[in-house]
C-alpha atoms as a PDB file:
ATOM      1  CA  MET A   1      16.735  14.589 -13.840  1.00  0.00           C
ATOM      2  CA  VAL A   2      14.273  13.343 -11.217  1.00  0.00           C
ATOM      3  CA  THR A   3      15.842  11.211  -8.479  1.00  0.00           C
ATOM      4  CA  GLU A   4      14.533   7.935  -7.042  1.00  0.00           C
ATOM      5  CA  VAL A   5      13.685   9.737  -3.808  1.00  0.00           C
ATOM      6  CA  GLU A   6      11.658  12.370  -5.680  1.00  0.00           C
ATOM      7  CA  HIS A   7       9.716   9.648  -7.512  1.00  0.00           C
ATOM      8  CA  LEU A   8       9.102   7.802  -4.245  1.00  0.00           C
ATOM      9  CA  GLU A   9       8.051  10.981  -2.456  1.00  0.00           C
ATOM     10  CA  ARG A  10       5.418  11.680  -5.135  1.00  0.00           C
ATOM     11  CA  LEU A  11       4.091   8.141  -4.733  1.00  0.00           C
ATOM     12  CA  ALA A  12       4.202   8.363  -0.931  1.00  0.00           C
ATOM     13  CA  GLY A  13       2.190  11.587  -0.996  1.00  0.00           C
ATOM     14  CA  ALA A  14      -0.461  10.041  -3.235  1.00  0.00           C
ATOM     15  CA  LEU A  15      -0.646   6.899  -1.077  1.00  0.00           C
ATOM     16  CA  ASP A  16      -0.937   9.034   2.084  1.00  0.00           C
ATOM     17  CA  ALA A  17      -3.801  10.953   0.482  1.00  0.00           C
ATOM     18  CA  ALA A  18      -5.497   7.654  -0.434  1.00  0.00           C
ATOM     19  CA  GLY A  19      -5.469   6.564   3.220  1.00  0.00           C
ATOM     20  CA  TRP A  20      -2.609   4.085   3.229  1.00  0.00           C
ATOM     21  CA  THR A  21       0.044   4.024   5.947  1.00  0.00           C
ATOM     22  CA  VAL A  22       3.356   4.984   4.379  1.00  0.00           C
ATOM     23  CA  GLY A  23       6.831   4.755   5.848  1.00  0.00           C
ATOM     24  CA  ARG A  24       9.711   6.361   4.035  1.00  0.00           C
ATOM     25  CA  ARG A  25      13.242   4.953   4.021  1.00  0.00           C
ATOM     26  CA  TYR A  26      15.550   7.030   1.904  1.00  0.00           C
ATOM     27  CA  GLU A  27      18.958   6.103   3.300  1.00  0.00           C
ATOM     28  CA  GLY A  28      20.719   3.247   1.531  1.00  0.00           C
ATOM     29  CA  ALA A  29      18.449   1.822  -1.163  1.00  0.00           C
ATOM     30  CA  PRO A  30      15.442   4.217  -1.144  1.00  0.00           C
ATOM     31  CA  LEU A  31      11.976   2.724  -0.714  1.00  0.00           C
ATOM     32  CA  VAL A  32       8.552   3.363   0.737  1.00  0.00           C
ATOM     33  CA  ARG A  33       6.819   0.797   2.927  1.00  0.00           C
ATOM     34  CA  VAL A  34       3.043   0.740   2.425  1.00  0.00           C
ATOM     35  CA  SER A  35       0.420  -0.955   4.582  1.00  0.00           C
ATOM     36  CA  SER A  36      -3.232  -0.667   5.471  1.00  0.00           C
ATOM     37  CA  PRO A  37      -4.101   1.099   8.716  1.00  0.00           C
ATOM     38  CA  LYS A  38      -6.450  -1.841   9.386  1.00  0.00           C
ATOM     39  CA  ALA A  39      -3.730  -4.471   8.859  1.00  0.00           C
ATOM     40  CA  PRO A  40      -0.347  -2.826   9.514  1.00  0.00           C
ATOM     41  CA  HIS A  41       1.432  -6.184   9.615  1.00  0.00           C
ATOM     42  CA  ILE A  42       0.682  -6.714   5.908  1.00  0.00           C
ATOM     43  CA  GLY A  43       2.454  -4.468   3.442  1.00  0.00           C
ATOM     44  CA  ASP A  44       4.851  -4.007   0.609  1.00  0.00           C
ATOM     45  CA  SER A  45       8.045  -2.087   0.002  1.00  0.00           C
ATOM     46  CA  ILE A  46       8.111  -0.110  -3.225  1.00  0.00           C
ATOM     47  CA  ARG A  47      11.301   0.990  -4.928  1.00  0.00           C
ATOM     48  CA  VAL A  48      12.258   2.567  -8.250  1.00  0.00           C
ATOM     49  CA  LYS A  49      14.043   0.641 -10.981  1.00  0.00           C
ATOM     50  CA  ASP A  50      14.931   1.591 -14.530  1.00  0.00           C
ATOM     51  CA  GLY A  51      12.841  -0.181 -17.142  1.00  0.00           C
ATOM     52  CA  VAL A  52      13.107  -0.475 -20.901  1.00  0.00           C
ATOM     53  CA  GLY A  53      14.798   2.565 -22.398  1.00  0.00           C
ATOM     54  CA  GLY A  54      15.774   3.822 -18.949  1.00  0.00           C
ATOM     55  CA  VAL A  55      12.198   4.769 -18.029  1.00  0.00           C
ATOM     56  CA  PRO A  56      11.923   4.525 -14.217  1.00  0.00           C
ATOM     57  CA  TRP A  57       9.248   2.197 -12.823  1.00  0.00           C
ATOM     58  CA  TYR A  58       7.799   1.562  -9.384  1.00  0.00           C
ATOM     59  CA  VAL A  59       8.572  -2.028  -8.443  1.00  0.00           C
ATOM     60  CA  SER A  60       7.107  -4.116  -5.607  1.00  0.00           C
ATOM     61  CA  SER A  61       9.270  -5.982  -3.117  1.00  0.00           C
ATOM     62  CA  CYS A  62       8.396  -9.134  -5.084  1.00  0.00           C
ATOM     63  CA  GLY A  63      10.143  -7.589  -8.093  1.00  0.00           C
ATOM     64  CA  ASP A  64       6.920  -7.042 -10.016  1.00  0.00           C
ATOM     65  CA  PRO A  65       6.779  -3.825 -12.065  1.00  0.00           C
ATOM     66  CA  MET A  66       3.748  -1.792 -10.959  1.00  0.00           C
ATOM     67  CA  ALA A  67       3.712   1.335 -13.115  1.00  0.00           C
ATOM     68  CA  PRO A  68       6.080   3.790 -14.742  1.00  0.00           C
ATOM     69  CA  CYS A  69       6.953   6.576 -12.313  1.00  0.00           C
ATOM     70  CA  HIS A  70       5.157   9.177 -14.442  1.00  0.00           C
ATOM     71  CA  ASP A  71       1.864   7.313 -13.770  1.00  0.00           C
ATOM     72  CA  VAL A  72       1.395   7.748 -10.004  1.00  0.00           C
ATOM     73  CA  ARG A  73      -2.355   7.106 -10.269  1.00  0.00           C
ATOM     74  CA  ARG A  74      -1.774   3.678 -11.802  1.00  0.00           C
ATOM     75  CA  ALA A  75       0.916   2.899  -9.218  1.00  0.00           C
ATOM     76  CA  CYS A  76      -1.539   3.718  -6.395  1.00  0.00           C
ATOM     77  CA  ALA A  77      -4.149   1.436  -7.946  1.00  0.00           C
ATOM     78  CA  GLU A  78      -1.593  -1.370  -8.281  1.00  0.00           C
ATOM     79  CA  VAL A  79      -0.500  -0.960  -4.658  1.00  0.00           C
ATOM     80  CA  GLY A  80      -4.136  -1.043  -3.521  1.00  0.00           C
ATOM     81  CA  ALA A  81      -4.854  -4.190  -5.522  1.00  0.00           C
ATOM     82  CA  LEU A  82      -1.727  -5.903  -4.200  1.00  0.00           C
ATOM     83  CA  LEU A  83      -2.444  -5.031  -0.570  1.00  0.00           C
ATOM     84  CA  ALA A  84      -6.073  -6.134  -0.924  1.00  0.00           C
ATOM     85  CA  LEU A  85      -4.840  -9.458  -2.274  1.00  0.00           C
ATOM     86  CA  PHE A  86      -2.339  -9.849   0.597  1.00  0.00           C
ATOM     87  CA  ALA A  87      -5.073  -9.040   3.124  1.00  0.00           C
ATOM     88  CA  ALA A  88      -7.467 -11.550   1.561  1.00  0.00           C
ATOM     89  CA  VAL A  89      -4.848 -14.297   1.635  1.00  0.00           C
ATOM     90  CA  GLN A  90      -4.018 -13.513   5.275  1.00  0.00           C
ATOM     91  CA  GLY A  91      -7.672 -13.235   6.260  1.00  0.00           C
ATOM     92  CA  ALA A  92      -7.225  -9.679   7.492  1.00  0.00           C
END
């Protein structure tokens, strides 16, 4: 069985490779904090939560499901879209 930390580490690696700034926090409730290098004050914290049928999903700090953990590519795209939206709203 794959752990939350293993799911988050796969996502963190993909986000790192895509150029995002990623902070890992695996003690307590595991999560990764993602921000843009150009706007480090704007970001999101991603965690893993079981979805329908026990399938684990990446979930934003707002509680929005982003993608099932087996679809890291989709999760990266969702993170990018969310951070772009945050940056646009903040004028970054």
